[in-house]
Protein backbone atom coordinates (compact mmCIF):
# COMPACT_ATOMS: atom_id res chain seq x y z
CA MET A 1 -78.23 102.68 -12.19
CA ARG A 2 -79.99 105.97 -12.90
CA TYR A 3 -83.44 106.52 -14.41
CA ASP A 4 -85.94 109.31 -14.74
CA VAL A 5 -88.70 107.09 -13.36
CA VAL A 6 -88.81 103.64 -11.78
CA VAL A 7 -92.21 101.92 -12.02
CA ILE A 8 -92.80 99.13 -9.49
CA GLY A 9 -95.36 96.66 -10.78
CA ALA A 10 -96.02 95.68 -14.41
CA GLY A 11 -99.77 95.28 -14.19
CA PRO A 12 -102.02 97.42 -16.38
CA GLY A 13 -101.47 100.56 -14.29
CA GLY A 14 -97.70 100.35 -14.08
CA SER A 15 -97.21 99.29 -17.69
CA THR A 16 -99.49 102.07 -18.94
CA ALA A 17 -97.51 104.63 -16.94
CA ALA A 18 -94.25 103.26 -18.34
CA TYR A 19 -95.70 103.35 -21.86
CA GLU A 20 -96.79 106.98 -21.57
CA LEU A 21 -93.47 108.07 -20.06
CA ALA A 22 -91.36 106.20 -22.61
CA LYS A 23 -93.34 107.77 -25.47
CA LYS A 24 -92.31 111.17 -24.13
CA GLY A 25 -88.65 110.18 -24.05
CA ALA A 26 -88.21 109.44 -20.35
CA LYS A 27 -85.69 106.83 -19.23
CA VAL A 28 -87.94 104.30 -17.49
CA LEU A 29 -87.32 101.12 -15.54
CA LEU A 30 -90.34 98.84 -15.12
CA VAL A 31 -89.90 96.06 -12.56
CA ASP A 32 -92.09 93.17 -11.45
CA SER A 33 -91.51 90.31 -9.05
CA ARG A 34 -93.25 87.76 -11.27
CA LYS A 35 -91.46 85.64 -13.85
CA ARG A 36 -93.82 86.80 -16.59
CA VAL A 37 -96.16 89.74 -16.97
CA GLY A 38 -99.84 89.04 -16.43
CA TYR A 39 -99.50 85.69 -14.69
CA PRO A 40 -101.17 84.54 -12.52
CA VAL A 41 -104.48 86.16 -13.39
CA GLN A 42 -106.33 87.16 -10.22
CA CYS A 43 -109.49 88.87 -11.44
CA ALA A 44 -112.76 88.27 -13.30
CA GLU A 45 -111.29 89.89 -16.48
CA PHE A 46 -114.06 92.32 -17.47
CA VAL A 47 -113.46 95.88 -18.70
CA PRO A 48 -116.03 98.43 -19.90
CA VAL A 49 -116.08 99.21 -23.60
CA GLN A 50 -115.23 102.89 -22.99
CA LEU A 51 -111.63 101.92 -22.16
CA SER A 52 -111.12 100.73 -25.73
CA TYR A 53 -112.12 104.14 -27.09
CA LYS A 54 -109.32 105.85 -25.18
CA PHE A 55 -106.70 103.14 -25.71
CA PRO A 56 -107.46 101.36 -29.01
CA GLU A 57 -103.87 100.09 -29.19
CA PHE A 58 -104.56 98.01 -26.06
CA PHE A 59 -107.45 96.13 -27.70
CA PRO A 60 -106.38 94.09 -30.71
CA LYS A 61 -108.54 91.00 -31.12
CA GLU A 62 -105.88 88.83 -29.51
CA VAL A 63 -106.46 90.31 -26.03
CA TRP A 64 -110.24 89.93 -25.69
CA ILE A 65 -112.34 86.82 -25.91
CA GLN A 66 -115.89 88.07 -26.23
CA LYS A 67 -118.10 91.12 -25.88
CA VAL A 68 -120.82 91.32 -23.26
CA LYS A 69 -123.93 93.48 -23.28
CA ASP A 70 -125.69 93.66 -19.90
CA MET A 71 -125.17 92.92 -16.23
CA VAL A 72 -128.03 90.78 -14.87
CA HIS A 73 -128.61 90.71 -11.11
CA PHE A 74 -130.24 87.91 -9.12
CA THR A 75 -131.45 89.01 -5.69
CA PRO A 76 -132.23 86.72 -2.74
CA TRP A 77 -135.81 88.07 -2.67
CA GLY A 78 -136.47 86.82 -6.21
CA GLU A 79 -136.12 90.00 -8.24
CA VAL A 80 -134.03 89.80 -11.43
CA MET A 81 -132.89 93.11 -12.86
CA SER A 82 -130.63 94.11 -15.73
CA MET A 83 -128.48 97.16 -16.46
CA PRO A 84 -126.42 98.01 -19.55
CA SER A 85 -122.79 96.99 -19.10
CA GLU A 86 -121.22 96.81 -22.54
CA GLY A 87 -117.62 95.68 -22.49
CA PHE A 88 -115.02 93.02 -23.11
CA MET A 89 -114.05 89.80 -21.39
CA LEU A 90 -110.28 89.77 -21.63
CA ASN A 91 -107.49 87.33 -21.94
CA ARG A 92 -106.07 89.22 -18.98
CA GLU A 93 -102.60 87.68 -19.16
CA ARG A 94 -102.26 88.71 -22.80
CA PHE A 95 -103.76 92.16 -22.11
CA ASP A 96 -101.19 92.93 -19.40
CA ALA A 97 -98.33 91.53 -21.47
CA LEU A 98 -99.30 93.61 -24.51
CA ILE A 99 -99.18 96.90 -22.59
CA ALA A 100 -95.77 96.00 -21.15
CA GLU A 101 -94.56 95.09 -24.66
CA LEU A 102 -95.74 98.46 -25.98
CA ALA A 103 -93.82 100.19 -23.18
CA VAL A 104 -90.67 98.27 -24.08
CA LYS A 105 -91.08 99.12 -27.77
CA GLU A 106 -91.15 102.78 -26.79
CA GLY A 107 -87.88 102.38 -24.90
CA ALA A 108 -88.78 101.34 -21.34
CA GLU A 109 -86.55 98.73 -19.71
CA LEU A 110 -88.40 95.74 -18.19
CA ARG A 111 -86.91 93.62 -15.43
CA LEU A 112 -88.90 90.60 -14.22
CA LYS A 113 -88.25 88.52 -11.10
CA THR A 114 -87.17 91.76 -9.43
CA LYS A 115 -88.64 92.50 -6.02
CA PHE A 116 -89.03 95.94 -4.44
CA LEU A 117 -87.64 95.88 -0.89
CA GLY A 118 -87.93 99.52 0.10
CA PHE A 119 -86.46 102.98 -0.09
CA GLU A 120 -83.10 104.07 1.34
CA ASP A 121 -81.62 107.55 0.96
CA GLY A 122 -84.04 108.36 -1.84
CA GLU A 123 -83.19 105.23 -3.84
CA ALA A 124 -85.21 102.11 -4.52
CA VAL A 125 -83.74 98.93 -3.08
CA LEU A 126 -84.45 95.99 -5.38
CA LYS A 127 -83.63 92.29 -5.29
CA ASP A 128 -83.02 90.07 -8.29
CA LEU A 129 -84.95 86.93 -7.33
CA LYS A 130 -82.89 84.79 -9.70
CA THR A 131 -79.39 85.80 -8.65
CA LYS A 132 -80.37 86.99 -5.12
CA GLU A 133 -78.44 90.19 -5.78
CA VAL A 134 -79.67 93.27 -3.89
CA PHE A 135 -79.05 96.57 -5.65
CA ARG A 136 -80.13 100.20 -5.59
CA VAL A 137 -81.63 102.36 -8.30
CA LYS A 138 -81.72 106.14 -8.44
CA ALA A 139 -84.59 108.02 -10.04
CA ASP A 140 -86.27 111.39 -9.98
CA TYR A 141 -89.66 109.73 -9.43
CA PHE A 142 -91.09 106.36 -8.45
CA ILE A 143 -94.49 104.94 -9.32
CA GLY A 144 -96.09 102.35 -7.04
CA ALA A 145 -98.25 100.03 -9.11
CA ASP A 146 -97.76 96.91 -7.01
CA GLY A 147 -101.35 95.96 -6.30
CA ALA A 148 -103.84 95.95 -3.45
CA ARG A 149 -101.28 95.04 -0.77
CA SER A 150 -98.78 97.57 -2.07
CA GLU A 151 -95.39 97.60 -0.37
CA VAL A 152 -94.69 101.00 -1.92
CA ALA A 153 -97.82 102.43 -0.27
CA ARG A 154 -97.01 100.78 3.05
CA GLN A 155 -93.51 102.24 3.14
CA THR A 156 -94.57 105.76 2.18
CA GLY A 157 -97.58 106.39 4.41
CA GLU A 158 -101.23 105.40 4.55
CA HIS A 159 -102.07 102.08 2.97
CA THR A 160 -105.07 99.78 2.66
CA LYS A 161 -105.63 97.51 5.63
CA ASN A 162 -109.15 96.19 5.00
CA PHE A 163 -109.82 93.98 1.99
CA LEU A 164 -112.28 91.77 0.26
CA ILE A 165 -110.97 88.33 -0.62
CA THR A 166 -111.99 86.50 -3.78
CA ALA A 167 -111.99 82.93 -5.03
CA GLN A 168 -112.67 81.97 -8.63
CA VAL A 169 -112.71 78.94 -10.89
CA SER A 170 -112.90 78.60 -14.67
CA VAL A 171 -115.49 76.08 -15.82
CA PRO A 172 -117.27 75.19 -19.09
CA LEU A 173 -120.55 76.93 -19.89
CA LYS A 174 -123.53 74.74 -20.69
CA GLU A 175 -124.91 77.31 -23.16
CA PRO A 176 -123.44 80.48 -24.71
CA LEU A 177 -123.85 83.52 -22.49
CA GLY A 178 -123.70 87.15 -23.57
CA ASP A 179 -124.20 88.91 -20.24
CA LEU A 180 -122.49 89.22 -16.87
CA LEU A 181 -124.43 87.51 -14.07
CA ILE A 182 -124.33 88.83 -10.49
CA PHE A 183 -125.77 87.05 -7.43
CA PHE A 184 -126.38 88.42 -3.92
CA ARG A 185 -126.60 85.73 -1.29
CA ASP A 186 -126.56 85.49 2.50
CA TYR A 187 -123.62 83.07 2.38
CA ILE A 188 -121.49 85.59 0.43
CA PRO A 189 -121.31 88.27 3.15
CA GLY A 190 -120.25 91.76 2.20
CA GLY A 191 -119.89 90.82 -1.46
CA TYR A 192 -121.45 88.86 -4.31
CA GLY A 193 -121.07 85.90 -6.63
CA TRP A 194 -120.52 86.13 -10.38
CA ILE A 195 -120.57 84.27 -13.66
CA PHE A 196 -118.58 86.09 -16.36
CA PRO A 197 -118.55 84.35 -19.76
CA LYS A 198 -115.41 83.82 -21.86
CA GLY A 199 -116.51 82.05 -25.01
CA GLU A 200 -117.13 78.43 -24.13
CA ILE A 201 -116.03 78.82 -20.51
CA ALA A 202 -116.83 81.20 -17.65
CA ASN A 203 -115.13 82.72 -14.66
CA VAL A 204 -117.25 81.81 -11.63
CA GLY A 205 -116.34 83.37 -8.32
CA VAL A 206 -117.26 85.01 -5.05
CA GLY A 207 -115.91 87.99 -3.17
CA ILE A 208 -116.29 88.30 0.62
CA ASP A 209 -115.46 91.03 3.12
CA LEU A 210 -112.59 89.67 5.21
CA ASP A 211 -114.15 91.06 8.39
CA TYR A 212 -116.74 88.28 8.29
CA ARG A 213 -114.05 85.61 8.70
CA VAL A 214 -115.91 83.27 6.35
CA SER A 215 -114.03 80.72 4.25
CA VAL A 216 -114.12 82.11 0.73
CA TRP A 217 -113.50 78.69 -0.81
CA GLU A 218 -116.36 77.12 1.15
CA SER A 219 -118.62 79.96 0.00
CA LEU A 220 -117.54 79.34 -3.59
CA GLN A 221 -118.32 75.63 -3.30
CA ARG A 222 -121.83 76.46 -2.14
CA PHE A 223 -122.23 78.98 -4.95
CA LEU A 224 -121.15 76.41 -7.54
CA LYS A 225 -123.92 74.10 -6.39
CA GLU A 226 -126.43 76.88 -7.00
CA VAL A 227 -125.34 77.76 -10.54
CA VAL A 228 -125.32 74.30 -12.12
CA ASP A 229 -127.94 75.42 -14.65
CA TRP A 230 -125.32 77.68 -16.27
CA VAL A 231 -121.98 75.92 -15.86
CA GLU A 232 -120.46 72.46 -15.59
CA THR A 233 -119.22 72.72 -12.03
CA ASP A 234 -117.59 69.27 -12.04
CA LYS A 235 -115.07 70.31 -14.73
CA ILE A 236 -112.83 72.89 -13.10
CA LEU A 237 -110.23 74.16 -15.56
CA GLY A 238 -108.42 76.62 -13.31
CA ARG A 239 -108.47 78.30 -9.90
CA THR A 240 -107.41 81.70 -8.69
CA GLY A 241 -108.12 84.33 -6.07
CA GLY A 242 -106.95 87.68 -4.83
CA PHE A 243 -107.56 90.78 -2.73
CA ILE A 244 -109.64 93.91 -3.40
CA PRO A 245 -108.95 97.17 -1.52
CA GLY A 246 -111.96 98.01 0.63
CA GLU A 247 -111.17 101.45 2.02
CA GLY A 248 -111.15 103.90 -0.87
CA ILE A 249 -108.39 106.08 -2.27
CA LYS A 250 -105.15 106.61 -0.37
CA LYS A 251 -103.09 109.75 -0.94
CA PRO A 252 -101.75 109.18 -4.47
CA LEU A 253 -98.86 111.71 -4.45
CA ARG A 254 -96.19 111.41 -1.76
CA GLY A 255 -93.28 113.62 -2.60
CA ASN A 256 -91.62 111.93 -5.56
CA VAL A 257 -93.72 108.75 -5.22
CA LEU A 258 -97.01 108.32 -7.11
CA LEU A 259 -99.52 105.51 -6.55
CA VAL A 260 -101.71 104.15 -9.34
CA GLY A 261 -104.31 101.40 -9.61
CA ASP A 262 -105.01 99.18 -6.62
CA ALA A 263 -101.86 100.43 -4.88
CA GLY A 264 -103.56 103.81 -4.46
CA GLY A 265 -107.00 102.35 -3.73
CA PHE A 266 -108.29 103.20 -7.22
CA CYS A 267 -110.54 100.15 -7.25
CA HIS A 268 -114.26 100.23 -6.57
CA PRO A 269 -114.53 98.82 -3.03
CA ILE A 270 -117.96 97.25 -3.66
CA THR A 271 -117.96 96.04 -7.25
CA GLY A 272 -114.23 95.30 -7.28
CA GLY A 273 -113.82 96.91 -10.71
CA GLY A 274 -110.19 97.96 -11.03
CA ILE A 275 -108.60 97.17 -14.40
CA ALA A 276 -109.90 100.27 -16.19
CA ASN A 277 -109.09 102.50 -13.22
CA ALA A 278 -105.55 101.15 -13.14
CA VAL A 279 -105.03 101.91 -16.83
CA LEU A 280 -106.53 105.38 -16.48
CA THR A 281 -104.52 106.36 -13.40
CA GLY A 282 -101.39 104.94 -15.02
CA GLU A 283 -102.01 107.12 -18.05
CA MET A 284 -102.61 110.17 -15.85
CA ALA A 285 -99.39 109.59 -13.92
CA GLY A 286 -97.31 109.03 -17.04
CA ARG A 287 -98.78 111.96 -18.95
CA ASN A 288 -98.50 114.50 -16.13
CA MET A 289 -94.97 113.43 -15.26
CA GLY A 290 -93.98 113.48 -18.91
CA GLU A 291 -95.27 117.03 -19.15
CA GLY A 292 -93.25 118.05 -16.10
CA GLU A 293 -96.27 118.45 -13.84
CA PRO A 294 -96.43 115.39 -11.56
CA GLU A 295 -98.33 117.37 -8.93
CA GLU A 296 -101.24 117.60 -11.38
CA PHE A 297 -101.64 113.82 -11.24
CA GLU A 298 -103.18 113.82 -7.78
CA GLU A 299 -105.71 116.53 -8.61
CA GLU A 300 -106.78 114.85 -11.85
CA ALA A 301 -107.03 111.40 -10.29
CA LEU A 302 -109.09 112.62 -7.34
CA ASP A 303 -111.34 114.72 -9.58
CA THR A 304 -111.98 111.68 -11.77
CA PHE A 305 -112.39 108.93 -9.16
CA GLY A 306 -112.58 110.49 -5.71
CA VAL A 307 -116.32 110.94 -5.37
CA SER A 308 -117.41 107.56 -6.73
CA ILE A 309 -114.77 105.42 -5.03
CA ASN A 310 -114.83 107.13 -1.66
CA ARG A 311 -118.66 107.14 -1.62
CA ALA A 312 -118.59 103.40 -2.19
CA ALA A 313 -116.04 102.98 0.59
CA GLU A 314 -118.31 104.86 2.99
CA LYS A 315 -121.27 102.74 1.95
CA ARG A 316 -119.26 99.59 2.61
CA LYS A 317 -118.38 100.85 6.06
CA LYS A 318 -121.91 102.07 6.85
CA TYR A 319 -124.06 99.26 5.46
CA MET A 320 -122.02 96.18 4.62
CA LYS A 321 -120.51 95.26 7.98
CA ARG A 322 -123.84 93.59 8.74
CA TRP A 323 -125.39 91.12 6.34
CA ASP A 324 -128.75 90.44 7.95
CA ASP A 325 -131.29 92.42 5.89
CA LEU A 326 -130.27 92.05 2.25
CA LYS A 327 -133.45 93.57 0.85
CA ARG A 328 -132.46 96.82 2.56
CA ILE A 329 -128.67 96.60 2.28
CA VAL A 330 -128.20 95.50 -1.34
CA PRO A 331 -130.14 98.37 -2.99
CA LYS A 332 -128.22 100.90 -0.89
CA THR A 333 -124.85 99.43 -1.85
CA TRP A 334 -125.09 98.28 -5.47
CA ILE A 335 -124.82 100.55 -8.50
CA ALA A 336 -127.78 99.03 -10.39
CA PHE A 337 -130.31 100.28 -7.82
CA GLU A 338 -131.69 103.81 -7.60
CA GLU A 339 -131.28 103.74 -3.81
CA TYR A 340 -127.51 103.60 -4.24
CA TYR A 341 -127.42 107.18 -5.50
CA LYS A 342 -129.84 108.62 -2.91
CA ASP A 343 -127.81 108.00 0.24
């Protein structure tokens, strides 16, 4: 089995890379260990509107549920502040599946229920989870797009070791909501709580720094009791959770292996925003490889995201390992406050 590029992970980053490469005529294999692309959903499902300008083909009406206007913040000292945050609340499963479908239409080969085991002699070792067959695939290049706890990153060098953990439920809204709501609380250490509207329902969740060793589900239960004015907390429609890289960008080019999205740490380590960054780094990887200049990927990705993501990682390390003076810590570590950009 011989390909130009093997992409490991069919999330938005991996599928975008496969799409870009296939459009340029590359022979691409896109693999994912899940039985269907996009499921389970493990995020709050918001993307900024700017992403739709660059990739309009990714945003037919079927993949987004509603538009949102602002991000409203509720502080523990009583201040409520708003910042513009125009964007879309997605049907994330359909969004991911659409990008993979576009890649396949351009000629990429998609194999689901296929697990990446490692590299041997320059080949990818894969396992068919249905037949249990282990096989090898040759390629000129490999793209790791296998998420926050990336096995590709782990086997090729530095990889994320410190994470935030999230827990989220979907519940009915009591009234229509057009904004994203963010809550900073002492019982959500190193993170925040959120209410993100999706039509008649909302994603309600919390994210916590794992170093605090606090039960994320217990924190979520407490948060749900606080937000009963907005949502019907006794009618849980779904549950999910996941991990957010908390260390910043890891080296994205490793010989003939490129890392995109969460696998390369291209996720904001404080806000947790990662869908748009995954799509953008996937596009960069696919475009630069398709043009015969894969080494340009690292420079472009670091120029685009390095300062903002690595600054946030340093702020997390410097300020957010204690959670005892929120009126001082929150403004220094959250993008809506002027203090964030001064230190």
